[in-house]
Amino acid sequence: MRERGVEFDVIEYLKQPPSRADLERILDAIPNEPADLVRKDKRFGELGLDEGAYQTREAVIEVLLEHPELMQRPVIFRGDRALICRPSETVLELLD
């Protein structure tokens, strides 16, 4: 984004965890299923969570409110549209 001269704000989600309203806004803006916003990584396993239990919008919001470190990132907004930009090249879809 810097290479293209795009200005952006960075929100450090661990220092400033997302609120319910923030998570709802993200889920409204991304084209993905709600479950895609949850990282099923080592930490997910350490918490003993079951992937099948976090498929609905409400379940995703609840788990991310309790464990914001599980949020898939980065999530990049452009206007009302957002993408989970993993891999990072996905951001180009918002910039073109």
PDB file of N, CA and C in Angstrom:
ATOM      1  N   MET A   1       0.831  -1.174   0.000  1.00  0.00           N
ATOM      2  CA  MET A   1       0.000   0.000   0.000  1.00  0.00           C
ATOM      3  C   MET A   1       0.878   1.241   0.000  1.00  0.00           C
ATOM      4  N   ARG A   2       1.963   1.174   0.752  1.00  0.00           N
ATOM      5  CA  ARG A   2       2.892   2.315   0.746  1.00  0.00           C
ATOM      6  C   ARG A   2       3.471   2.533  -0.644  1.00  0.00           C
ATOM      7  N   GLU A   3       3.802   1.427  -1.324  1.00  0.00           N
ATOM      8  CA  GLU A   3       4.367   1.529  -2.664  1.00  0.00           C
ATOM      9  C   GLU A   3       3.414   2.226  -3.629  1.00  0.00           C
ATOM     10  N   ARG A   4       2.134   2.120  -3.390  1.00  0.00           N
ATOM     11  CA  ARG A   4       1.130   2.745  -4.249  1.00  0.00           C
ATOM     12  C   ARG A   4       0.687   4.111  -3.728  1.00  0.00           C
ATOM     13  N   GLY A   5       1.296   4.561  -2.638  1.00  0.00           N
ATOM     14  CA  GLY A   5       0.969   5.871  -2.094  1.00  0.00           C
ATOM     15  C   GLY A   5      -0.393   5.932  -1.421  1.00  0.00           C
ATOM     16  N   VAL A   6      -0.862   4.797  -0.957  1.00  0.00           N
ATOM     17  CA  VAL A   6      -2.171   4.742  -0.302  1.00  0.00           C
ATOM     18  C   VAL A   6      -1.995   5.028   1.183  1.00  0.00           C
ATOM     19  N   GLU A   7      -2.733   6.009   1.664  1.00  0.00           N
ATOM     20  CA  GLU A   7      -2.687   6.309   3.092  1.00  0.00           C
ATOM     21  C   GLU A   7      -3.562   5.310   3.824  1.00  0.00           C
ATOM     22  N   PHE A   8      -3.138   4.936   5.023  1.00  0.00           N
ATOM     23  CA  PHE A   8      -3.927   3.983   5.802  1.00  0.00           C
ATOM     24  C   PHE A   8      -3.649   4.161   7.281  1.00  0.00           C
ATOM     25  N   ASP A   9      -4.593   3.695   8.070  1.00  0.00           N
ATOM     26  CA  ASP A   9      -4.463   3.685   9.519  1.00  0.00           C
ATOM     27  C   ASP A   9      -4.268   2.249   9.955  1.00  0.00           C
ATOM     28  N   VAL A  10      -3.401   2.055  10.915  1.00  0.00           N
ATOM     29  CA  VAL A  10      -3.167   0.730  11.486  1.00  0.00           C
ATOM     30  C   VAL A  10      -3.805   0.704  12.864  1.00  0.00           C
ATOM     31  N   ILE A  11      -4.620  -0.310  13.080  1.00  0.00           N
ATOM     32  CA  ILE A  11      -5.220  -0.516  14.400  1.00  0.00           C
ATOM     33  C   ILE A  11      -4.573  -1.762  14.980  1.00  0.00           C
ATOM     34  N   GLU A  12      -3.869  -1.582  16.070  1.00  0.00           N
ATOM     35  CA  GLU A  12      -3.210  -2.715  16.715  1.00  0.00           C
ATOM     36  C   GLU A  12      -4.243  -3.420  17.576  1.00  0.00           C
ATOM     37  N   TYR A  13      -4.814  -4.468  17.012  1.00  0.00           N
ATOM     38  CA  TYR A  13      -5.968  -5.122  17.608  1.00  0.00           C
ATOM     39  C   TYR A  13      -5.689  -5.767  18.960  1.00  0.00           C
ATOM     40  N   LEU A  14      -4.438  -6.024  19.295  1.00  0.00           N
ATOM     41  CA  LEU A  14      -4.142  -6.577  20.621  1.00  0.00           C
ATOM     42  C   LEU A  14      -4.056  -5.471  21.671  1.00  0.00           C
ATOM     43  N   LYS A  15      -3.675  -4.268  21.243  1.00  0.00           N
ATOM     44  CA  LYS A  15      -3.648  -3.129  22.162  1.00  0.00           C
ATOM     45  C   LYS A  15      -5.026  -2.491  22.282  1.00  0.00           C
ATOM     46  N   GLN A  16      -5.778  -2.543  21.215  1.00  0.00           N
ATOM     47  CA  GLN A  16      -7.119  -1.970  21.154  1.00  0.00           C
ATOM     48  C   GLN A  16      -8.045  -3.034  20.556  1.00  0.00           C
ATOM     49  N   PRO A  17      -8.449  -4.030  21.371  1.00  0.00           N
ATOM     50  CA  PRO A  17      -9.265  -5.136  20.838  1.00  0.00           C
ATOM     51  C   PRO A  17     -10.560  -4.633  20.208  1.00  0.00           C
ATOM     52  N   PRO A  18     -11.007  -5.330  19.173  1.00  0.00           N
ATOM     53  CA  PRO A  18     -12.236  -4.916  18.506  1.00  0.00           C
ATOM     54  C   PRO A  18     -13.449  -5.095  19.416  1.00  0.00           C
ATOM     55  N   SER A  19     -14.375  -4.179  19.296  1.00  0.00           N
ATOM     56  CA  SER A  19     -15.642  -4.258  20.023  1.00  0.00           C
ATOM     57  C   SER A  19     -16.606  -5.134  19.225  1.00  0.00           C
ATOM     58  N   ARG A  20     -17.745  -5.415  19.817  1.00  0.00           N
ATOM     59  CA  ARG A  20     -18.788  -6.153  19.093  1.00  0.00           C
ATOM     60  C   ARG A  20     -19.152  -5.391  17.812  1.00  0.00           C
ATOM     61  N   ALA A  21     -19.306  -4.084  17.917  1.00  0.00           N
ATOM     62  CA  ALA A  21     -19.655  -3.275  16.742  1.00  0.00           C
ATOM     63  C   ALA A  21     -18.566  -3.354  15.675  1.00  0.00           C
ATOM     64  N   ASP A  22     -17.300  -3.345  16.090  1.00  0.00           N
ATOM     65  CA  ASP A  22     -16.193  -3.470  15.134  1.00  0.00           C
ATOM     66  C   ASP A  22     -16.267  -4.805  14.393  1.00  0.00           C
ATOM     67  N   LEU A  23     -16.487  -5.876  15.156  1.00  0.00           N
ATOM     68  CA  LEU A  23     -16.543  -7.209  14.549  1.00  0.00           C
ATOM     69  C   LEU A  23     -17.750  -7.334  13.624  1.00  0.00           C
ATOM     70  N   GLU A  24     -18.874  -6.767  14.017  1.00  0.00           N
ATOM     71  CA  GLU A  24     -20.055  -6.788  13.149  1.00  0.00           C
ATOM     72  C   GLU A  24     -19.785  -6.032  11.857  1.00  0.00           C
ATOM     73  N   ARG A  25     -19.107  -4.900  11.963  1.00  0.00           N
ATOM     74  CA  ARG A  25     -18.764  -4.112  10.771  1.00  0.00           C
ATOM     75  C   ARG A  25     -17.862  -4.916   9.836  1.00  0.00           C
ATOM     76  N   ILE A  26     -16.868  -5.583  10.405  1.00  0.00           N
ATOM     77  CA  ILE A  26     -15.970  -6.409   9.591  1.00  0.00           C
ATOM     78  C   ILE A  26     -16.756  -7.517   8.907  1.00  0.00           C
ATOM     79  N   LEU A  27     -17.570  -8.237   9.666  1.00  0.00           N
ATOM     80  CA  LEU A  27     -18.334  -9.341   9.088  1.00  0.00           C
ATOM     81  C   LEU A  27     -19.306  -8.872   8.017  1.00  0.00           C
ATOM     82  N   ASP A  28     -19.850  -7.676   8.176  1.00  0.00           N
ATOM     83  CA  ASP A  28     -20.743  -7.116   7.156  1.00  0.00           C
ATOM     84  C   ASP A  28     -19.982  -6.762   5.879  1.00  0.00           C
ATOM     85  N   ALA A  29     -18.716  -6.422   6.015  1.00  0.00           N
ATOM     86  CA  ALA A  29     -17.948  -5.893   4.889  1.00  0.00           C
ATOM     87  C   ALA A  29     -17.168  -6.936   4.102  1.00  0.00           C
ATOM     88  N   ILE A  30     -16.823  -8.062   4.739  1.00  0.00           N
ATOM     89  CA  ILE A  30     -16.036  -9.067   4.026  1.00  0.00           C
ATOM     90  C   ILE A  30     -16.951 -10.027   3.264  1.00  0.00           C
ATOM     91  N   PRO A  31     -16.484 -10.536   2.132  1.00  0.00           N
ATOM     92  CA  PRO A  31     -17.299 -11.483   1.374  1.00  0.00           C
ATOM     93  C   PRO A  31     -17.221 -12.908   1.923  1.00  0.00           C
ATOM     94  N   ASN A  32     -16.335 -13.152   2.863  1.00  0.00           N
ATOM     95  CA  ASN A  32     -16.104 -14.486   3.408  1.00  0.00           C
ATOM     96  C   ASN A  32     -17.211 -14.926   4.353  1.00  0.00           C
ATOM     97  N   GLU A  33     -17.208 -16.213   4.625  1.00  0.00           N
ATOM     98  CA  GLU A  33     -18.051 -16.774   5.673  1.00  0.00           C
ATOM     99  C   GLU A  33     -17.523 -16.277   7.015  1.00  0.00           C
ATOM    100  N   PRO A  34     -18.375 -16.120   8.027  1.00  0.00           N
ATOM    101  CA  PRO A  34     -17.902 -15.652   9.337  1.00  0.00           C
ATOM    102  C   PRO A  34     -16.738 -16.478   9.887  1.00  0.00           C
ATOM    103  N   ALA A  35     -16.763 -17.773   9.714  1.00  0.00           N
ATOM    104  CA  ALA A  35     -15.714 -18.647  10.253  1.00  0.00           C
ATOM    105  C   ALA A  35     -14.335 -18.291   9.723  1.00  0.00           C
ATOM    106  N   ASP A  36     -14.259 -17.685   8.549  1.00  0.00           N
ATOM    107  CA  ASP A  36     -12.959 -17.332   7.964  1.00  0.00           C
ATOM    108  C   ASP A  36     -12.239 -16.248   8.746  1.00  0.00           C
ATOM    109  N   LEU A  37     -12.957 -15.534   9.594  1.00  0.00           N
ATOM    110  CA  LEU A  37     -12.339 -14.471  10.383  1.00  0.00           C
ATOM    111  C   LEU A  37     -11.598 -15.017  11.606  1.00  0.00           C
ATOM    112  N   VAL A  38     -11.771 -16.306  11.883  1.00  0.00           N
ATOM    113  CA  VAL A  38     -11.113 -16.934  13.033  1.00  0.00           C
ATOM    114  C   VAL A  38      -9.927 -17.760  12.552  1.00  0.00           C
ATOM    115  N   ARG A  39      -8.768 -17.472  13.130  1.00  0.00           N
ATOM    116  CA  ARG A  39      -7.561 -18.246  12.812  1.00  0.00           C
ATOM    117  C   ARG A  39      -7.613 -19.577  13.553  1.00  0.00           C
ATOM    118  N   LYS A  40      -7.484 -20.651  12.827  1.00  0.00           N
ATOM    119  CA  LYS A  40      -7.447 -21.982  13.441  1.00  0.00           C
ATOM    120  C   LYS A  40      -5.984 -22.411  13.506  1.00  0.00           C
ATOM    121  N   ASP A  41      -5.240 -21.737  14.352  1.00  0.00           N
ATOM    122  CA  ASP A  41      -3.799 -21.954  14.447  1.00  0.00           C
ATOM    123  C   ASP A  41      -3.447 -22.666  15.744  1.00  0.00           C
ATOM    124  N   LYS A  42      -2.184 -22.615  16.089  1.00  0.00           N
ATOM    125  CA  LYS A  42      -1.699 -23.265  17.306  1.00  0.00           C
ATOM    126  C   LYS A  42      -2.442 -22.756  18.539  1.00  0.00           C
ATOM    127  N   ARG A  43      -2.647 -21.446  18.628  1.00  0.00           N
ATOM    128  CA  ARG A  43      -3.331 -20.863  19.776  1.00  0.00           C
ATOM    129  C   ARG A  43      -4.762 -21.386  19.878  1.00  0.00           C
ATOM    130  N   PHE A  44      -5.442 -21.519  18.760  1.00  0.00           N
ATOM    131  CA  PHE A  44      -6.789 -22.060  18.713  1.00  0.00           C
ATOM    132  C   PHE A  44      -6.794 -23.449  19.343  1.00  0.00           C
ATOM    133  N   GLY A  45      -5.821 -24.252  18.968  1.00  0.00           N
ATOM    134  CA  GLY A  45      -5.695 -25.595  19.526  1.00  0.00           C
ATOM    135  C   GLY A  45      -5.365 -25.584  21.007  1.00  0.00           C
ATOM    136  N   GLU A  46      -4.467 -24.672  21.409  1.00  0.00           N
ATOM    137  CA  GLU A  46      -4.088 -24.578  22.828  1.00  0.00           C
ATOM    138  C   GLU A  46      -5.293 -24.243  23.700  1.00  0.00           C
ATOM    139  N   LEU A  47      -6.225 -23.497  23.151  1.00  0.00           N
ATOM    140  CA  LEU A  47      -7.425 -23.128  23.901  1.00  0.00           C
ATOM    141  C   LEU A  47      -8.448 -24.262  23.938  1.00  0.00           C
ATOM    142  N   GLY A  48      -8.157 -25.341  23.196  1.00  0.00           N
ATOM    143  CA  GLY A  48      -9.057 -26.485  23.175  1.00  0.00           C
ATOM    144  C   GLY A  48     -10.369 -26.214  22.453  1.00  0.00           C
ATOM    145  N   LEU A  49     -10.343 -25.303  21.498  1.00  0.00           N
ATOM    146  CA  LEU A  49     -11.555 -24.928  20.780  1.00  0.00           C
ATOM    147  C   LEU A  49     -11.844 -25.902  19.649  1.00  0.00           C
ATOM    148  N   ASP A  50     -13.104 -26.050  19.343  1.00  0.00           N
ATOM    149  CA  ASP A  50     -13.573 -26.934  18.277  1.00  0.00           C
ATOM    150  C   ASP A  50     -13.974 -26.087  17.079  1.00  0.00           C
ATOM    151  N   GLU A  51     -13.324 -26.303  15.960  1.00  0.00           N
ATOM    152  CA  GLU A  51     -13.577 -25.508  14.754  1.00  0.00           C
ATOM    153  C   GLU A  51     -15.053 -25.493  14.373  1.00  0.00           C
ATOM    154  N   GLY A  52     -15.729 -26.596  14.553  1.00  0.00           N
ATOM    155  CA  GLY A  52     -17.139 -26.691  14.201  1.00  0.00           C
ATOM    156  C   GLY A  52     -18.042 -25.799  15.034  1.00  0.00           C
ATOM    157  N   ALA A  53     -17.576 -25.396  16.190  1.00  0.00           N
ATOM    158  CA  ALA A  53     -18.388 -24.562  17.081  1.00  0.00           C
ATOM    159  C   ALA A  53     -18.334 -23.080  16.708  1.00  0.00           C
ATOM    160  N   TYR A  54     -17.492 -22.720  15.751  1.00  0.00           N
ATOM    161  CA  TYR A  54     -17.302 -21.303  15.416  1.00  0.00           C
ATOM    162  C   TYR A  54     -17.573 -21.058  13.936  1.00  0.00           C
ATOM    163  N   GLN A  55     -18.774 -21.425  13.520  1.00  0.00           N
ATOM    164  CA  GLN A  55     -19.176 -21.250  12.132  1.00  0.00           C
ATOM    165  C   GLN A  55     -20.174 -20.110  11.956  1.00  0.00           C
ATOM    166  N   THR A  56     -20.933 -19.830  12.986  1.00  0.00           N
ATOM    167  CA  THR A  56     -21.968 -18.799  12.857  1.00  0.00           C
ATOM    168  C   THR A  56     -21.405 -17.423  13.194  1.00  0.00           C
ATOM    169  N   ARG A  57     -22.083 -16.428  12.721  1.00  0.00           N
ATOM    170  CA  ARG A  57     -21.694 -15.034  12.971  1.00  0.00           C
ATOM    171  C   ARG A  57     -21.575 -14.766  14.475  1.00  0.00           C
ATOM    172  N   GLU A  58     -22.593 -15.162  15.244  1.00  0.00           N
ATOM    173  CA  GLU A  58     -22.589 -14.890  16.680  1.00  0.00           C
ATOM    174  C   GLU A  58     -21.471 -15.635  17.398  1.00  0.00           C
ATOM    175  N   ALA A  59     -21.229 -16.880  17.022  1.00  0.00           N
ATOM    176  CA  ALA A  59     -20.154 -17.656  17.658  1.00  0.00           C
ATOM    177  C   ALA A  59     -18.793 -17.041  17.349  1.00  0.00           C
ATOM    178  N   VAL A  60     -18.612 -16.571  16.128  1.00  0.00           N
ATOM    179  CA  VAL A  60     -17.354 -15.921  15.740  1.00  0.00           C
ATOM    180  C   VAL A  60     -17.158 -14.639  16.546  1.00  0.00           C
ATOM    181  N   ILE A  61     -18.189 -13.849  16.667  1.00  0.00           N
ATOM    182  CA  ILE A  61     -18.088 -12.610  17.443  1.00  0.00           C
ATOM    183  C   ILE A  61     -17.719 -12.926  18.890  1.00  0.00           C
ATOM    184  N   GLU A  62     -18.390 -13.891  19.472  1.00  0.00           N
ATOM    185  CA  GLU A  62     -18.128 -14.237  20.874  1.00  0.00           C
ATOM    186  C   GLU A  62     -16.692 -14.702  21.091  1.00  0.00           C
ATOM    187  N   VAL A  63     -16.203 -15.574  20.219  1.00  0.00           N
ATOM    188  CA  VAL A  63     -14.837 -16.084  20.420  1.00  0.00           C
ATOM    189  C   VAL A  63     -13.807 -14.979  20.210  1.00  0.00           C
ATOM    190  N   LEU A  64     -14.052 -14.069  19.273  1.00  0.00           N
ATOM    191  CA  LEU A  64     -13.098 -12.991  19.034  1.00  0.00           C
ATOM    192  C   LEU A  64     -13.155 -11.907  20.103  1.00  0.00           C
ATOM    193  N   LEU A  65     -14.300 -11.737  20.725  1.00  0.00           N
ATOM    194  CA  LEU A  65     -14.368 -10.816  21.860  1.00  0.00           C
ATOM    195  C   LEU A  65     -13.547 -11.364  23.022  1.00  0.00           C
ATOM    196  N   GLU A  66     -13.609 -12.674  23.212  1.00  0.00           N
ATOM    197  CA  GLU A  66     -12.873 -13.306  24.307  1.00  0.00           C
ATOM    198  C   GLU A  66     -11.395 -13.516  23.982  1.00  0.00           C
ATOM    199  N   HIS A  67     -11.106 -13.801  22.702  1.00  0.00           N
ATOM    200  CA  HIS A  67      -9.733 -14.100  22.281  1.00  0.00           C
ATOM    201  C   HIS A  67      -9.398 -13.339  20.990  1.00  0.00           C
ATOM    202  N   PRO A  68      -9.176 -12.029  21.095  1.00  0.00           N
ATOM    203  CA  PRO A  68      -8.926 -11.247  19.875  1.00  0.00           C
ATOM    204  C   PRO A  68      -7.690 -11.701  19.101  1.00  0.00           C
ATOM    205  N   GLU A  69      -6.776 -12.380  19.755  1.00  0.00           N
ATOM    206  CA  GLU A  69      -5.579 -12.870  19.067  1.00  0.00           C
ATOM    207  C   GLU A  69      -5.911 -13.897  17.991  1.00  0.00           C
ATOM    208  N   LEU A  70      -7.128 -14.434  18.004  1.00  0.00           N
ATOM    209  CA  LEU A  70      -7.533 -15.413  17.003  1.00  0.00           C
ATOM    210  C   LEU A  70      -8.088 -14.785  15.729  1.00  0.00           C
ATOM    211  N   MET A  71      -8.163 -13.460  15.689  1.00  0.00           N
ATOM    212  CA  MET A  71      -8.714 -12.822  14.492  1.00  0.00           C
ATOM    213  C   MET A  71      -7.746 -12.944  13.324  1.00  0.00           C
ATOM    214  N   GLN A  72      -8.285 -13.402  12.211  1.00  0.00           N
ATOM    215  CA  GLN A  72      -7.500 -13.469  10.986  1.00  0.00           C
ATOM    216  C   GLN A  72      -7.138 -12.056  10.570  1.00  0.00           C
ATOM    217  N   ARG A  73      -5.933 -11.856  10.122  1.00  0.00           N
ATOM    218  CA  ARG A  73      -5.493 -10.517   9.789  1.00  0.00           C
ATOM    219  C   ARG A  73      -4.447 -10.574   8.692  1.00  0.00           C
ATOM    220  N   PRO A  74      -4.220  -9.456   8.080  1.00  0.00           N
ATOM    221  CA  PRO A  74      -4.873  -8.160   8.287  1.00  0.00           C
ATOM    222  C   PRO A  74      -6.230  -8.097   7.582  1.00  0.00           C
ATOM    223  N   VAL A  75      -7.115  -7.312   8.154  1.00  0.00           N
ATOM    224  CA  VAL A  75      -8.379  -6.983   7.505  1.00  0.00           C
ATOM    225  C   VAL A  75      -8.223  -5.541   7.050  1.00  0.00           C
ATOM    226  N   ILE A  76      -8.428  -5.351   5.760  1.00  0.00           N
ATOM    227  CA  ILE A  76      -8.228  -4.017   5.192  1.00  0.00           C
ATOM    228  C   ILE A  76      -9.537  -3.526   4.590  1.00  0.00           C
ATOM    229  N   PHE A  77      -9.891  -2.305   4.988  1.00  0.00           N
ATOM    230  CA  PHE A  77     -11.104  -1.654   4.498  1.00  0.00           C
ATOM    231  C   PHE A  77     -10.749  -0.634   3.440  1.00  0.00           C
ATOM    232  N   ARG A  78     -11.627  -0.525   2.484  1.00  0.00           N
ATOM    233  CA  ARG A  78     -11.623   0.591   1.543  1.00  0.00           C
ATOM    234  C   ARG A  78     -13.077   0.965   1.363  1.00  0.00           C
ATOM    235  N   GLY A  79     -13.456   2.066   1.956  1.00  0.00           N
ATOM    236  CA  GLY A  79     -14.867   2.441   1.985  1.00  0.00           C
ATOM    237  C   GLY A  79     -15.631   1.447   2.837  1.00  0.00           C
ATOM    238  N   ASP A  80     -16.718   0.922   2.289  1.00  0.00           N
ATOM    239  CA  ASP A  80     -17.539  -0.051   3.011  1.00  0.00           C
ATOM    240  C   ASP A  80     -17.144  -1.487   2.714  1.00  0.00           C
ATOM    241  N   ARG A  81     -16.160  -1.662   1.880  1.00  0.00           N
ATOM    242  CA  ARG A  81     -15.721  -2.990   1.469  1.00  0.00           C
ATOM    243  C   ARG A  81     -14.463  -3.361   2.236  1.00  0.00           C
ATOM    244  N   ALA A  82     -14.336  -4.636   2.598  1.00  0.00           N
ATOM    245  CA  ALA A  82     -13.141  -5.095   3.303  1.00  0.00           C
ATOM    246  C   ALA A  82     -12.773  -6.490   2.831  1.00  0.00           C
ATOM    247  N   LEU A  83     -11.493  -6.795   2.994  1.00  0.00           N
ATOM    248  CA  LEU A  83     -10.987  -8.130   2.678  1.00  0.00           C
ATOM    249  C   LEU A  83     -10.044  -8.583   3.780  1.00  0.00           C
ATOM    250  N   ILE A  84     -10.041  -9.887   4.003  1.00  0.00           N
ATOM    251  CA  ILE A  84      -9.002 -10.485   4.832  1.00  0.00           C
ATOM    252  C   ILE A  84      -7.822 -10.650   3.875  1.00  0.00           C
ATOM    253  N   CYS A  85      -6.778  -9.906   4.104  1.00  0.00           N
ATOM    254  CA  CYS A  85      -5.671  -9.843   3.133  1.00  0.00           C
ATOM    255  C   CYS A  85      -4.554 -10.813   3.489  1.00  0.00           C
ATOM    256  N   ARG A  86      -4.892 -12.054   3.442  1.00  0.00           N
ATOM    257  CA  ARG A  86      -3.941 -13.130   3.624  1.00  0.00           C
ATOM    258  C   ARG A  86      -4.170 -14.070   2.472  1.00  0.00           C
ATOM    259  N   PRO A  87      -3.304 -14.228   1.539  1.00  0.00           N
ATOM    260  CA  PRO A  87      -1.980 -13.632   1.480  1.00  0.00           C
ATOM    261  C   PRO A  87      -2.054 -12.122   1.216  1.00  0.00           C
ATOM    262  N   SER A  88      -0.960 -11.469   1.490  1.00  0.00           N
ATOM    263  CA  SER A  88      -0.918 -10.001   1.431  1.00  0.00           C
ATOM    264  C   SER A  88      -1.274  -9.435   0.062  1.00  0.00           C
ATOM    265  N   GLU A  89      -1.053 -10.194  -0.993  1.00  0.00           N
ATOM    266  CA  GLU A  89      -1.352  -9.706  -2.336  1.00  0.00           C
ATOM    267  C   GLU A  89      -2.861  -9.480  -2.538  1.00  0.00           C
ATOM    268  N   THR A  90      -3.668 -10.047  -1.669  1.00  0.00           N
ATOM    269  CA  THR A  90      -5.110  -9.878  -1.767  1.00  0.00           C
ATOM    270  C   THR A  90      -5.501  -8.414  -1.694  1.00  0.00           C
ATOM    271  N   VAL A  91      -4.704  -7.605  -1.031  1.00  0.00           N
ATOM    272  CA  VAL A  91      -5.012  -6.177  -0.918  1.00  0.00           C
ATOM    273  C   VAL A  91      -5.124  -5.509  -2.277  1.00  0.00           C
ATOM    274  N   LEU A  92      -4.465  -6.054  -3.284  1.00  0.00           N
ATOM    275  CA  LEU A  92      -4.521  -5.466  -4.628  1.00  0.00           C
ATOM    276  C   LEU A  92      -5.935  -5.447  -5.178  1.00  0.00           C
ATOM    277  N   GLU A  93      -6.774  -6.399  -4.742  1.00  0.00           N
ATOM    278  CA  GLU A  93      -8.172  -6.424  -5.186  1.00  0.00           C
ATOM    279  C   GLU A  93      -8.917  -5.169  -4.719  1.00  0.00           C
ATOM    280  N   LEU A  94      -8.528  -4.618  -3.582  1.00  0.00           N
ATOM    281  CA  LEU A  94      -9.161  -3.400  -3.091  1.00  0.00           C
ATOM    282  C   LEU A  94      -8.612  -2.153  -3.763  1.00  0.00           C
ATOM    283  N   LEU A  95      -7.376  -2.220  -4.216  1.00  0.00           N
ATOM    284  CA  LEU A  95      -6.717  -1.037  -4.758  1.00  0.00           C
ATOM    285  C   LEU A  95      -6.959  -0.829  -6.239  1.00  0.00           C
ATOM    286  N   ASP A  96      -7.329  -1.895  -6.938  1.00  0.00           N
ATOM    287  CA  ASP A  96      -7.548  -1.780  -8.392  1.00  0.00           C
ATOM    288  C   ASP A  96      -8.926  -1.283  -8.727  1.00  0.00           C
TER     289      ASP A  96
END
